[in-house]
PDB file of N, CA and C in Angstrom:
ATOM      1  N   MET A   1      -6.119  19.786   4.251  1.00  0.00           N
ATOM      2  CA  MET A   1      -6.229  18.809   3.923  1.00  0.00           C
ATOM      3  C   MET A   1      -5.484  18.442   2.479  1.00  0.00           C
ATOM      4  N   SER A   2      -4.258  17.652   2.433  1.00  0.00           N
ATOM      5  CA  SER A   2      -3.520  17.512   1.592  1.00  0.00           C
ATOM      6  C   SER A   2      -4.005  16.014   0.747  1.00  0.00           C
ATOM      7  N   GLU A   3      -4.288  16.148  -0.709  1.00  0.00           N
ATOM      8  CA  GLU A   3      -4.666  14.563  -1.089  1.00  0.00           C
ATOM      9  C   GLU A   3      -3.651  14.319  -2.265  1.00  0.00           C
ATOM     10  N   ARG A   4      -3.633  12.893  -2.077  1.00  0.00           N
ATOM     11  CA  ARG A   4      -2.692  12.148  -3.451  1.00  0.00           C
ATOM     12  C   ARG A   4      -3.565  11.121  -3.950  1.00  0.00           C
ATOM     13  N   TYR A   5      -3.153  11.087  -5.429  1.00  0.00           N
ATOM     14  CA  TYR A   5      -4.014  10.134  -5.937  1.00  0.00           C
ATOM     15  C   TYR A   5      -2.672   9.357  -7.199  1.00  0.00           C
ATOM     16  N   SER A   6      -2.923   8.081  -7.105  1.00  0.00           N
ATOM     17  CA  SER A   6      -1.857   6.686  -7.712  1.00  0.00           C
ATOM     18  C   SER A   6      -2.470   5.668  -8.382  1.00  0.00           C
ATOM     19  N   VAL A   7      -2.617   5.281  -9.794  1.00  0.00           N
ATOM     20  CA  VAL A   7      -2.945   4.067 -10.319  1.00  0.00           C
ATOM     21  C   VAL A   7      -2.050   3.296  -9.979  1.00  0.00           C
ATOM     22  N   PHE A   8      -2.280   2.031 -10.087  1.00  0.00           N
ATOM     23  CA  PHE A   8      -1.247   1.182  -9.566  1.00  0.00           C
ATOM     24  C   PHE A   8      -1.912  -0.542 -10.184  1.00  0.00           C
ATOM     25  N   THR A   9      -1.561  -1.639 -10.343  1.00  0.00           N
ATOM     26  CA  THR A   9      -1.831  -3.026 -10.525  1.00  0.00           C
ATOM     27  C   THR A   9      -1.970  -3.289  -9.145  1.00  0.00           C
ATOM     28  N   ALA A  10      -2.950  -3.768  -9.178  1.00  0.00           N
ATOM     29  CA  ALA A  10      -3.267  -4.552  -7.610  1.00  0.00           C
ATOM     30  C   ALA A  10      -2.241  -6.130  -7.603  1.00  0.00           C
ATOM     31  N   PRO A  11      -1.750  -5.850  -6.739  1.00  0.00           N
ATOM     32  CA  PRO A  11      -0.656  -7.000  -6.160  1.00  0.00           C
ATOM     33  C   PRO A  11      -1.447  -8.598  -6.380  1.00  0.00           C
ATOM     34  N   ARG A  12      -0.552  -9.651  -6.538  1.00  0.00           N
ATOM     35  CA  ARG A  12      -1.066 -11.358  -5.988  1.00  0.00           C
ATOM     36  C   ARG A  12      -1.795 -11.117  -4.913  1.00  0.00           C
ATOM     37  N   GLY A  13      -3.547 -11.597  -5.077  1.00  0.00           N
ATOM     38  CA  GLY A  13      -4.392 -12.034  -4.311  1.00  0.00           C
ATOM     39  C   GLY A  13      -5.327 -10.516  -4.078  1.00  0.00           C
ATOM     40  N   GLY A  14      -4.992  -9.469  -4.978  1.00  0.00           N
ATOM     41  CA  GLY A  14      -5.812  -8.444  -4.796  1.00  0.00           C
ATOM     42  C   GLY A  14      -5.664  -7.359  -3.430  1.00  0.00           C
ATOM     43  N   VAL A  15      -6.694  -6.203  -3.276  1.00  0.00           N
ATOM     44  CA  VAL A  15      -6.386  -5.627  -2.226  1.00  0.00           C
ATOM     45  C   VAL A  15      -8.109  -5.964  -1.183  1.00  0.00           C
ATOM     46  N   MET A  16      -7.887  -6.411  -0.066  1.00  0.00           N
ATOM     47  CA  MET A  16      -8.825  -6.404   0.636  1.00  0.00           C
ATOM     48  C   MET A  16      -9.538  -5.468   0.971  1.00  0.00           C
ATOM     49  N   THR A  17     -11.248  -5.084   1.082  1.00  0.00           N
ATOM     50  CA  THR A  17     -11.710  -4.052   1.007  1.00  0.00           C
ATOM     51  C   THR A  17     -12.826  -4.339   1.978  1.00  0.00           C
ATOM     52  N   LYS A  18     -13.215  -3.088   2.882  1.00  0.00           N
ATOM     53  CA  LYS A  18     -14.035  -3.549   3.984  1.00  0.00           C
ATOM     54  C   LYS A  18     -15.475  -3.882   3.353  1.00  0.00           C
ATOM     55  N   GLU A  19     -15.627  -3.330   1.858  1.00  0.00           N
ATOM     56  CA  GLU A  19     -17.122  -3.240   1.550  1.00  0.00           C
ATOM     57  C   GLU A  19     -17.114  -4.388   0.861  1.00  0.00           C
ATOM     58  N   VAL A  20     -16.442  -4.770   0.090  1.00  0.00           N
ATOM     59  CA  VAL A  20     -16.819  -5.493  -0.813  1.00  0.00           C
ATOM     60  C   VAL A  20     -15.908  -6.853  -1.237  1.00  0.00           C
ATOM     61  N   GLY A  21     -14.872  -6.781  -0.161  1.00  0.00           N
ATOM     62  CA  GLY A  21     -14.012  -7.625   0.128  1.00  0.00           C
ATOM     63  C   GLY A  21     -12.604  -7.391  -0.812  1.00  0.00           C
ATOM     64  N   VAL A  22     -12.065  -8.797  -1.696  1.00  0.00           N
ATOM     65  CA  VAL A  22     -11.029  -8.418  -2.467  1.00  0.00           C
ATOM     66  C   VAL A  22     -11.485  -7.945  -3.699  1.00  0.00           C
ATOM     67  N   ILE A  23     -10.559  -6.691  -4.226  1.00  0.00           N
ATOM     68  CA  ILE A  23     -10.526  -6.356  -5.797  1.00  0.00           C
ATOM     69  C   ILE A  23      -8.881  -6.253  -6.265  1.00  0.00           C
ATOM     70  N   THR A  24      -9.283  -6.706  -7.513  1.00  0.00           N
ATOM     71  CA  THR A  24      -8.019  -6.904  -8.471  1.00  0.00           C
ATOM     72  C   THR A  24      -7.678  -6.086  -9.530  1.00  0.00           C
ATOM     73  N   GLY A  25      -6.929  -6.152 -10.085  1.00  0.00           N
ATOM     74  CA  GLY A  25      -6.724  -5.179 -11.574  1.00  0.00           C
ATOM     75  C   GLY A  25      -5.947  -4.277 -11.527  1.00  0.00           C
ATOM     76  N   GLU A  26      -6.553  -3.199 -12.029  1.00  0.00           N
ATOM     77  CA  GLU A  26      -6.052  -1.910 -12.408  1.00  0.00           C
ATOM     78  C   GLU A  26      -6.616  -1.153 -11.363  1.00  0.00           C
ATOM     79  N   LEU A  27      -5.959  -0.705 -10.557  1.00  0.00           N
ATOM     80  CA  LEU A  27      -6.873   0.517  -9.072  1.00  0.00           C
ATOM     81  C   LEU A  27      -6.205   1.758  -8.840  1.00  0.00           C
ATOM     82  N   GLU A  28      -7.250   2.506  -8.370  1.00  0.00           N
ATOM     83  CA  GLU A  28      -6.487   3.996  -7.658  1.00  0.00           C
ATOM     84  C   GLU A  28      -6.319   4.136  -6.594  1.00  0.00           C
ATOM     85  N   LEU A  29      -5.540   4.233  -5.908  1.00  0.00           N
ATOM     86  CA  LEU A  29      -5.038   4.621  -4.356  1.00  0.00           C
ATOM     87  C   LEU A  29      -5.697   6.106  -4.373  1.00  0.00           C
ATOM     88  N   HIS A  30      -6.132   6.991  -3.300  1.00  0.00           N
ATOM     89  CA  HIS A  30      -6.492   8.119  -3.017  1.00  0.00           C
ATOM     90  C   HIS A  30      -6.203   8.078  -1.149  1.00  0.00           C
ATOM     91  N   THR A  31      -5.328   9.234  -1.057  1.00  0.00           N
ATOM     92  CA  THR A  31      -5.143   9.274   0.116  1.00  0.00           C
ATOM     93  C   THR A  31      -5.114  10.991   0.583  1.00  0.00           C
ATOM     94  N   SER A  32      -5.274  10.895   1.846  1.00  0.00           N
ATOM     95  CA  SER A  32      -5.832  12.344   2.215  1.00  0.00           C
ATOM     96  C   SER A  32      -5.310  12.577   3.500  1.00  0.00           C
ATOM     97  N   ALA A  33      -4.846  13.690   4.030  1.00  0.00           N
ATOM     98  CA  ALA A  33      -4.303  13.540   5.551  1.00  0.00           C
ATOM     99  C   ALA A  33      -4.461  14.939   5.827  1.00  0.00           C
ATOM    100  N   GLY A  34      -4.939  14.948   7.357  1.00  0.00           N
ATOM    101  CA  GLY A  34      -5.773  16.269   7.858  1.00  0.00           C
ATOM    102  C   GLY A  34      -4.424  16.827   8.283  1.00  0.00           C
ATOM    103  N   ALA A  35      -4.881  18.204   8.595  1.00  0.00           N
ATOM    104  CA  ALA A  35      -4.310  19.076   9.594  1.00  0.00           C
ATOM    105  C   ALA A  35      -3.711  18.317  10.995  1.00  0.00           C
ATOM    106  N   ASP A  36      -4.589  17.515  11.231  1.00  0.00           N
ATOM    107  CA  ASP A  36      -4.352  16.428  12.699  1.00  0.00           C
ATOM    108  C   ASP A  36      -3.947  15.447  12.444  1.00  0.00           C
ATOM    109  N   GLY A  37      -3.202  15.397  11.365  1.00  0.00           N
ATOM    110  CA  GLY A  37      -2.291  13.645  11.154  1.00  0.00           C
ATOM    111  C   GLY A  37      -3.228  12.829  10.467  1.00  0.00           C
ATOM    112  N   ALA A  38      -4.566  12.565  10.750  1.00  0.00           N
ATOM    113  CA  ALA A  38      -5.849  11.681  10.035  1.00  0.00           C
ATOM    114  C   ALA A  38      -5.070  11.068   8.828  1.00  0.00           C
ATOM    115  N   LEU A  39      -4.815  10.244   8.675  1.00  0.00           N
ATOM    116  CA  LEU A  39      -4.967   9.629   7.148  1.00  0.00           C
ATOM    117  C   LEU A  39      -5.914   8.774   6.660  1.00  0.00           C
ATOM    118  N   HIS A  40      -6.107   8.981   5.486  1.00  0.00           N
ATOM    119  CA  HIS A  40      -7.493   8.159   5.419  1.00  0.00           C
ATOM    120  C   HIS A  40      -7.102   7.646   3.519  1.00  0.00           C
ATOM    121  N   LEU A  41      -7.547   6.310   3.581  1.00  0.00           N
ATOM    122  CA  LEU A  41      -6.886   5.492   2.461  1.00  0.00           C
ATOM    123  C   LEU A  41      -8.204   5.372   1.644  1.00  0.00           C
ATOM    124  N   ARG A  42      -8.471   5.187   0.183  1.00  0.00           N
ATOM    125  CA  ARG A  42      -9.494   4.735  -0.461  1.00  0.00           C
ATOM    126  C   ARG A  42      -8.953   3.898  -1.862  1.00  0.00           C
ATOM    127  N   VAL A  43      -9.477   3.023  -2.052  1.00  0.00           N
ATOM    128  CA  VAL A  43      -9.051   1.973  -3.231  1.00  0.00           C
ATOM    129  C   VAL A  43     -10.497   2.264  -4.392  1.00  0.00           C
ATOM    130  N   ARG A  44     -10.310   2.218  -5.590  1.00  0.00           N
ATOM    131  CA  ARG A  44     -11.286   1.931  -6.599  1.00  0.00           C
ATOM    132  C   ARG A  44     -10.574   1.187  -7.990  1.00  0.00           C
ATOM    133  N   TYR A  45     -11.539   0.616  -8.209  1.00  0.00           N
ATOM    134  CA  TYR A  45     -11.138   0.324  -9.829  1.00  0.00           C
ATOM    135  C   TYR A  45     -10.759   1.514 -10.587  1.00  0.00           C
ATOM    136  N   ALA A  46      -9.874   1.225 -11.311  1.00  0.00           N
ATOM    137  CA  ALA A  46      -9.410   3.154 -12.352  1.00  0.00           C
ATOM    138  C   ALA A  46     -10.864   3.412 -13.012  1.00  0.00           C
ATOM    139  N   GLY A  47     -11.000   4.352 -12.797  1.00  0.00           N
ATOM    140  CA  GLY A  47     -11.756   5.230 -13.866  1.00  0.00           C
ATOM    141  C   GLY A  47     -13.249   4.941 -12.957  1.00  0.00           C
ATOM    142  N   ALA A  48     -13.435   4.394 -12.237  1.00  0.00           N
ATOM    143  CA  ALA A  48     -14.568   3.708 -11.865  1.00  0.00           C
ATOM    144  C   ALA A  48     -15.446   5.383 -10.698  1.00  0.00           C
ATOM    145  N   ASP A  49     -16.501   4.806 -10.251  1.00  0.00           N
ATOM    146  CA  ASP A  49     -16.779   6.227  -9.199  1.00  0.00           C
ATOM    147  C   ASP A  49     -17.014   5.800  -8.084  1.00  0.00           C
ATOM    148  N   GLU A  50     -17.143   4.186  -7.761  1.00  0.00           N
ATOM    149  CA  GLU A  50     -17.231   4.320  -6.666  1.00  0.00           C
ATOM    150  C   GLU A  50     -15.905   3.583  -5.731  1.00  0.00           C
ATOM    151  N   TRP A  51     -15.929   4.448  -4.367  1.00  0.00           N
ATOM    152  CA  TRP A  51     -14.450   4.021  -3.707  1.00  0.00           C
ATOM    153  C   TRP A  51     -14.862   3.304  -2.673  1.00  0.00           C
ATOM    154  N   TYR A  52     -13.712   2.373  -2.551  1.00  0.00           N
ATOM    155  CA  TYR A  52     -14.041   1.572  -1.265  1.00  0.00           C
ATOM    156  C   TYR A  52     -12.713   1.868  -0.025  1.00  0.00           C
ATOM    157  N   THR A  53     -12.935   1.281   1.129  1.00  0.00           N
ATOM    158  CA  THR A  53     -11.822   1.491   2.091  1.00  0.00           C
ATOM    159  C   THR A  53     -11.034   0.014   2.534  1.00  0.00           C
ATOM    160  N   PRO A  54      -9.527   0.426   2.204  1.00  0.00           N
ATOM    161  CA  PRO A  54      -9.144  -0.871   2.493  1.00  0.00           C
ATOM    162  C   PRO A  54      -9.129  -1.556   3.954  1.00  0.00           C
ATOM    163  N   GLU A  55      -9.053  -2.578   4.208  1.00  0.00           N
ATOM    164  CA  GLU A  55      -8.653  -3.057   5.895  1.00  0.00           C
ATOM    165  C   GLU A  55      -7.836  -2.243   6.449  1.00  0.00           C
ATOM    166  N   GLY A  56      -8.162  -2.432   7.646  1.00  0.00           N
ATOM    167  CA  GLY A  56      -6.702  -1.613   8.425  1.00  0.00           C
ATOM    168  C   GLY A  56      -7.661  -0.347   8.853  1.00  0.00           C
ATOM    169  N   GLY A  57      -6.630   0.188   9.654  1.00  0.00           N
ATOM    170  CA  GLY A  57      -6.677   1.338  10.261  1.00  0.00           C
ATOM    171  C   GLY A  57      -7.599   1.701  11.497  1.00  0.00           C
ATOM    172  N   PRO A  58      -7.368   2.735  11.952  1.00  0.00           N
ATOM    173  CA  PRO A  58      -7.417   4.332  11.421  1.00  0.00           C
ATOM    174  C   PRO A  58      -5.815   4.580  11.790  1.00  0.00           C
ATOM    175  N   TYR A  59      -5.424   5.559  11.069  1.00  0.00           N
ATOM    176  CA  TYR A  59      -3.942   5.632  10.617  1.00  0.00           C
ATOM    177  C   TYR A  59      -4.007   7.099  11.190  1.00  0.00           C
ATOM    178  N   THR A  60      -2.970   7.464  11.899  1.00  0.00           N
ATOM    179  CA  THR A  60      -2.541   8.698  12.313  1.00  0.00           C
ATOM    180  C   THR A  60      -1.211   8.590  11.974  1.00  0.00           C
ATOM    181  N   LEU A  61      -0.666  10.087  11.077  1.00  0.00           N
ATOM    182  CA  LEU A  61       0.368  10.307  10.734  1.00  0.00           C
ATOM    183  C   LEU A  61       1.053  11.012  11.918  1.00  0.00           C
ATOM    184  N   TYR A  62       2.340  10.510  12.293  1.00  0.00           N
ATOM    185  CA  TYR A  62       2.993  11.605  13.811  1.00  0.00           C
ATOM    186  C   TYR A  62       3.118  13.150  13.040  1.00  0.00           C
ATOM    187  N   ASP A  63       3.343  13.781  11.918  1.00  0.00           N
ATOM    188  CA  ASP A  63       3.336  14.471  11.058  1.00  0.00           C
ATOM    189  C   ASP A  63       2.932  14.900   9.809  1.00  0.00           C
ATOM    190  N   PRO A  64       1.776  15.875   9.842  1.00  0.00           N
ATOM    191  CA  PRO A  64       1.172  15.354   8.416  1.00  0.00           C
ATOM    192  C   PRO A  64       1.725  15.902   7.341  1.00  0.00           C
ATOM    193  N   ARG A  65       2.709  16.526   7.488  1.00  0.00           N
ATOM    194  CA  ARG A  65       3.953  16.643   6.268  1.00  0.00           C
ATOM    195  C   ARG A  65       4.592  15.593   5.653  1.00  0.00           C
ATOM    196  N   ASP A  66       4.601  14.367   6.168  1.00  0.00           N
ATOM    197  CA  ASP A  66       4.871  13.201   5.783  1.00  0.00           C
ATOM    198  C   ASP A  66       3.939  12.313   4.746  1.00  0.00           C
ATOM    199  N   HIS A  67       2.552  13.075   4.945  1.00  0.00           N
ATOM    200  CA  HIS A  67       1.792  12.709   3.818  1.00  0.00           C
ATOM    201  C   HIS A  67       2.200  11.856   2.423  1.00  0.00           C
ATOM    202  N   GLU A  68       2.948  12.740   1.943  1.00  0.00           N
ATOM    203  CA  GLU A  68       3.445  12.624   0.602  1.00  0.00           C
ATOM    204  C   GLU A  68       4.540  11.045   0.608  1.00  0.00           C
ATOM    205  N   VAL A  69       5.039  11.102   1.537  1.00  0.00           N
ATOM    206  CA  VAL A  69       6.212   9.797   1.443  1.00  0.00           C
ATOM    207  C   VAL A  69       5.447   8.784   1.942  1.00  0.00           C
ATOM    208  N   VAL A  70       4.146   8.497   2.630  1.00  0.00           N
ATOM    209  CA  VAL A  70       3.788   7.681   3.203  1.00  0.00           C
ATOM    210  C   VAL A  70       2.700   6.873   1.806  1.00  0.00           C
ATOM    211  N   HIS A  71       2.167   8.134   1.487  1.00  0.00           N
ATOM    212  CA  HIS A  71       1.630   7.297  -0.265  1.00  0.00           C
ATOM    213  C   HIS A  71       2.771   6.929  -1.048  1.00  0.00           C
ATOM    214  N   GLU A  72       3.751   7.057  -1.038  1.00  0.00           N
ATOM    215  CA  GLU A  72       4.781   6.771  -2.079  1.00  0.00           C
ATOM    216  C   GLU A  72       5.200   5.037  -1.602  1.00  0.00           C
ATOM    217  N   VAL A  73       5.107   5.070  -0.255  1.00  0.00           N
ATOM    218  CA  VAL A  73       5.710   4.110   0.455  1.00  0.00           C
ATOM    219  C   VAL A  73       4.183   2.896   0.140  1.00  0.00           C
ATOM    220  N   VAL A  74       3.216   3.273   0.269  1.00  0.00           N
ATOM    221  CA  VAL A  74       1.773   2.633   0.160  1.00  0.00           C
ATOM    222  C   VAL A  74       1.727   2.365  -0.980  1.00  0.00           C
ATOM    223  N   ILE A  75       2.321   2.906  -1.892  1.00  0.00           N
ATOM    224  CA  ILE A  75       1.966   2.421  -3.483  1.00  0.00           C
ATOM    225  C   ILE A  75       3.069   1.421  -3.823  1.00  0.00           C
ATOM    226  N   ASP A  76       4.022   1.761  -3.456  1.00  0.00           N
ATOM    227  CA  ASP A  76       5.035   0.681  -3.410  1.00  0.00           C
ATOM    228  C   ASP A  76       4.939  -0.674  -2.996  1.00  0.00           C
ATOM    229  N   LEU A  77       4.020  -0.683  -1.766  1.00  0.00           N
ATOM    230  CA  LEU A  77       3.674  -1.874  -1.091  1.00  0.00           C
ATOM    231  C   LEU A  77       2.323  -2.522  -1.898  1.00  0.00           C
ATOM    232  N   LEU A  78       1.797  -1.683  -2.450  1.00  0.00           N
ATOM    233  CA  LEU A  78       0.542  -2.281  -3.083  1.00  0.00           C
ATOM    234  C   LEU A  78       0.696  -2.883  -4.887  1.00  0.00           C
ATOM    235  N   HIS A  79       1.930  -2.171  -5.447  1.00  0.00           N
ATOM    236  CA  HIS A  79       2.242  -2.239  -6.475  1.00  0.00           C
ATOM    237  C   HIS A  79       3.785  -3.033  -6.837  1.00  0.00           C
ATOM    238  N   ARG A  80       3.795  -3.690  -6.561  1.00  0.00           N
ATOM    239  CA  ARG A  80       5.013  -4.896  -6.513  1.00  0.00           C
ATOM    240  C   ARG A  80       4.799  -6.269  -7.282  1.00  0.00           C
ATOM    241  N   PRO A  81       6.120  -6.623  -7.909  1.00  0.00           N
ATOM    242  CA  PRO A  81       5.730  -7.720  -8.809  1.00  0.00           C
ATOM    243  C   PRO A  81       6.075  -9.135  -7.854  1.00  0.00           C
ATOM    244  N   PRO A  82       5.260  -9.993  -8.290  1.00  0.00           N
ATOM    245  CA  PRO A  82       5.105 -11.063  -7.721  1.00  0.00           C
ATOM    246  C   PRO A  82       6.687 -11.721  -6.800  1.00  0.00           C
ATOM    247  N   LEU A  83       6.779 -12.207  -6.135  1.00  0.00           N
ATOM    248  CA  LEU A  83       8.020 -12.612  -5.664  1.00  0.00           C
ATOM    249  C   LEU A  83       8.387 -14.217  -6.696  1.00  0.00           C
ATOM    250  N   GLN A  84       9.664 -14.003  -6.988  1.00  0.00           N
ATOM    251  CA  GLN A  84      10.440 -14.969  -7.803  1.00  0.00           C
ATOM    252  C   GLN A  84      11.309 -16.194  -6.584  1.00  0.00           C
ATOM    253  N   PRO A  85      11.349 -17.208  -6.833  1.00  0.00           N
ATOM    254  CA  PRO A  85      12.249 -17.972  -6.244  1.00  0.00           C
ATOM    255  C   PRO A  85      13.878 -17.848  -6.353  1.00  0.00           C
ATOM    256  N   ALA A  86      14.450 -18.073  -5.532  1.00  0.00           N
ATOM    257  CA  ALA A  86      15.731 -17.912  -5.588  1.00  0.00           C
ATOM    258  C   ALA A  86      16.407 -18.821  -6.525  1.00  0.00           C
ATOM    259  N   SER A  87      16.968 -18.338  -7.542  1.00  0.00           N
ATOM    260  CA  SER A  87      17.866 -19.420  -8.548  1.00  0.00           C
ATOM    261  C   SER A  87      18.688 -20.487  -7.757  1.00  0.00           C
ATOM    262  N   GLY A  88      18.688 -21.555  -7.827  1.00  0.00           N
ATOM    263  CA  GLY A  88      18.928 -22.626  -7.796  1.00  0.00           C
ATOM    264  C   GLY A  88      19.105 -22.916  -6.055  1.00  0.00           C
ATOM    265  N   THR A  89      18.209 -22.327  -5.360  1.00  0.00           N
ATOM    266  CA  THR A  89      17.725 -22.701  -4.084  1.00  0.00           C
ATOM    267  C   THR A  89      16.663 -23.462  -3.593  1.00  0.00           C
ATOM    268  N   GLY A  90      16.026 -23.424  -4.336  1.00  0.00           N
ATOM    269  CA  GLY A  90      14.882 -23.631  -3.971  1.00  0.00           C
ATOM    270  C   GLY A  90      14.010 -23.603  -2.995  1.00  0.00           C
ATOM    271  N   GLY A  91      14.602 -22.679  -2.222  1.00  0.00           N
ATOM    272  CA  GLY A  91      13.965 -22.063  -0.963  1.00  0.00           C
ATOM    273  C   GLY A  91      13.988 -20.660  -0.979  1.00  0.00           C
ATOM    274  N   PRO A  92      13.856 -20.101   0.423  1.00  0.00           N
ATOM    275  CA  PRO A  92      13.388 -18.642   0.391  1.00  0.00           C
ATOM    276  C   PRO A  92      15.224 -18.150   0.420  1.00  0.00           C
ATOM    277  N   SER A  93      15.557 -16.894   0.055  1.00  0.00           N
ATOM    278  CA  SER A  93      16.460 -16.777   0.056  1.00  0.00           C
ATOM    279  C   SER A  93      16.940 -15.859   1.109  1.00  0.00           C
ATOM    280  N   SER A  94      18.597 -15.686   1.492  1.00  0.00           N
ATOM    281  CA  SER A  94      18.918 -14.986   2.581  1.00  0.00           C
ATOM    282  C   SER A  94      19.908 -13.973   2.247  1.00  0.00           C
ATOM    283  N   VAL A  95      19.933 -13.095   3.140  1.00  0.00           N
ATOM    284  CA  VAL A  95      20.334 -11.800   3.406  1.00  0.00           C
ATOM    285  C   VAL A  95      21.573 -12.044   4.096  1.00  0.00           C
ATOM    286  N   SER A  96      22.747 -11.547   3.795  1.00  0.00           N
ATOM    287  CA  SER A  96      24.013 -11.750   4.477  1.00  0.00           C
ATOM    288  C   SER A  96      24.525 -10.704   5.063  1.00  0.00           C
ATOM    289  N   GLY A  97      24.994 -10.650   6.392  1.00  0.00           N
ATOM    290  CA  GLY A  97      25.295  -9.091   6.833  1.00  0.00           C
ATOM    291  C   GLY A  97      24.647  -9.190   8.266  1.00  0.00           C
ATOM    292  N   ARG A  98      24.501  -8.111   8.956  1.00  0.00           N
ATOM    293  CA  ARG A  98      24.072  -8.409  10.186  1.00  0.00           C
ATOM    294  C   ARG A  98      22.825  -8.394  10.761  1.00  0.00           C
ATOM    295  N   SER A  99      22.190  -9.058  11.634  1.00  0.00           N
ATOM    296  CA  SER A  99      20.753  -9.002  11.731  1.00  0.00           C
ATOM    297  C   SER A  99      20.190  -7.901  12.588  1.00  0.00           C
ATOM    298  N   ALA A 100      19.207  -7.985  12.522  1.00  0.00           N
ATOM    299  CA  ALA A 100      18.106  -6.276  12.910  1.00  0.00           C
ATOM    300  C   ALA A 100      18.937  -6.016  14.278  1.00  0.00           C
ATOM    301  N   GLY A 101      18.835  -6.843  14.896  1.00  0.00           N
ATOM    302  CA  GLY A 101      19.155  -7.113  16.311  1.00  0.00           C
ATOM    303  C   GLY A 101      20.534  -6.744  16.589  1.00  0.00           C
ATOM    304  N   SER A 102      21.611  -6.711  15.931  1.00  0.00           N
ATOM    305  CA  SER A 102      22.939  -6.709  16.427  1.00  0.00           C
ATOM    306  C   SER A 102      23.438  -5.318  16.164  1.00  0.00           C
ATOM    307  N   ARG A 103      24.763  -5.170  16.876  1.00  0.00           N
ATOM    308  CA  ARG A 103      25.277  -3.636  16.307  1.00  0.00           C
ATOM    309  C   ARG A 103      26.852  -3.869  16.047  1.00  0.00           C
TER     310      ARG A 103
END
Protein backbone atom coordinates (compact mmCIF):
# COMPACT_ATOMS: atom_id res chain seq x y z
CA MET A 1 0.00 0.00 0.00
CA SER A 2 1.25 3.46 -0.86
CA GLU A 3 0.38 6.55 1.22
CA ARG A 4 0.72 10.31 0.70
CA TYR A 5 0.01 13.29 3.00
CA SER A 6 -0.26 17.00 2.13
CA VAL A 7 -1.35 20.10 4.04
CA PHE A 8 -3.46 22.64 2.13
CA THR A 9 -5.86 25.51 2.68
CA ALA A 10 -9.46 24.57 1.89
CA PRO A 11 -10.96 26.18 -1.21
CA ARG A 12 -13.75 28.72 -0.92
CA GLY A 13 -16.76 26.78 0.38
CA GLY A 14 -14.57 24.21 2.15
CA VAL A 15 -14.45 20.45 1.67
CA MET A 16 -17.68 18.47 2.08
CA THR A 17 -17.26 15.39 4.25
CA LYS A 18 -19.62 12.48 4.84
CA GLU A 19 -19.30 12.62 8.64
CA VAL A 20 -19.51 16.31 9.61
CA GLY A 21 -20.40 18.28 6.50
CA VAL A 22 -18.15 21.12 5.34
CA ILE A 23 -14.72 21.70 6.90
CA THR A 24 -12.62 24.77 6.18
CA GLY A 25 -9.26 26.27 7.01
CA GLU A 26 -5.89 24.55 7.05
CA LEU A 27 -6.49 20.88 6.27
CA GLU A 28 -4.46 17.75 5.61
CA LEU A 29 -5.19 15.25 2.83
CA HIS A 30 -4.23 11.60 3.19
CA THR A 31 -4.49 9.31 0.19
CA SER A 32 -3.69 5.62 0.10
CA ALA A 33 -3.73 3.18 -2.78
CA GLY A 34 -3.82 -0.59 -2.55
CA ALA A 35 -2.21 -3.06 -4.94
CA ASP A 36 -5.70 -3.61 -6.41
CA GLY A 37 -5.93 0.11 -7.31
CA ALA A 38 -8.44 1.01 -4.58
CA LEU A 39 -7.86 4.69 -3.75
CA HIS A 40 -8.92 6.06 -0.35
CA LEU A 41 -9.06 9.74 0.58
CA ARG A 42 -9.30 11.25 4.06
CA VAL A 43 -9.10 14.84 5.29
CA ARG A 44 -8.65 16.39 8.72
CA TYR A 45 -7.91 19.72 10.27
CA ALA A 46 -4.11 20.03 10.11
CA GLY A 47 -2.65 18.53 13.27
CA ALA A 48 -5.95 17.07 14.51
CA ASP A 49 -6.54 13.41 15.35
CA GLU A 50 -9.89 12.76 13.68
CA TRP A 51 -10.06 12.00 9.95
CA TYR A 52 -13.12 12.54 7.71
CA THR A 53 -14.13 11.06 4.37
CA PRO A 54 -14.66 13.55 1.51
CA GLU A 55 -17.92 13.18 -0.41
CA GLY A 56 -17.63 11.00 -3.51
CA GLY A 57 -16.05 7.68 -4.29
CA PRO A 58 -15.38 4.87 -4.27
CA TYR A 59 -12.31 5.46 -6.44
CA THR A 60 -10.20 2.94 -8.32
CA LEU A 61 -6.93 3.67 -10.08
CA TYR A 62 -6.35 1.99 -13.41
CA ASP A 63 -2.75 1.48 -12.34
CA PRO A 64 -1.70 1.75 -8.65
CA ARG A 65 1.52 3.44 -9.80
CA ASP A 66 -0.63 6.49 -10.67
CA HIS A 67 -1.23 7.18 -6.96
CA GLU A 68 1.40 9.92 -6.59
CA VAL A 69 0.14 11.83 -9.64
CA VAL A 70 -3.51 11.49 -8.58
CA HIS A 71 -2.63 12.75 -5.09
CA GLU A 72 -1.00 15.85 -6.61
CA VAL A 73 -4.01 16.46 -8.88
CA VAL A 74 -6.41 16.25 -5.91
CA ILE A 75 -4.23 18.72 -3.94
CA ASP A 76 -4.14 21.08 -6.93
CA LEU A 77 -7.95 20.93 -7.13
CA LEU A 78 -8.42 21.49 -3.40
CA HIS A 79 -5.72 24.14 -2.93
CA ARG A 80 -6.53 26.70 -5.56
CA PRO A 81 -6.99 30.44 -5.32
CA PRO A 82 -10.49 31.87 -5.67
CA LEU A 83 -11.58 32.81 -9.18
CA GLN A 84 -10.92 36.40 -10.17
CA PRO A 85 -13.22 38.06 -12.70
CA ALA A 86 -11.58 38.78 -16.04
CA SER A 87 -10.54 42.43 -16.14
CA GLY A 88 -12.62 44.68 -18.36
CA THR A 89 -15.20 42.09 -19.39
CA GLY A 90 -17.50 41.87 -16.40
CA GLY A 91 -18.18 38.24 -17.29
CA PRO A 92 -16.53 34.89 -17.73
CA SER A 93 -13.36 34.87 -19.76
CA SER A 94 -13.09 32.92 -22.98
CA VAL A 95 -10.22 30.93 -24.33
CA SER A 96 -9.45 31.23 -28.00
CA GLY A 97 -8.47 28.24 -30.06
CA ARG A 98 -10.10 25.01 -31.04
CA SER A 99 -12.93 23.58 -29.02
CA ALA A 100 -12.42 20.26 -27.27
CA GLY A 101 -14.37 18.47 -29.98
CA SER A 102 -12.59 19.95 -33.03
CA ARG A 103 -9.62 18.40 -34.79
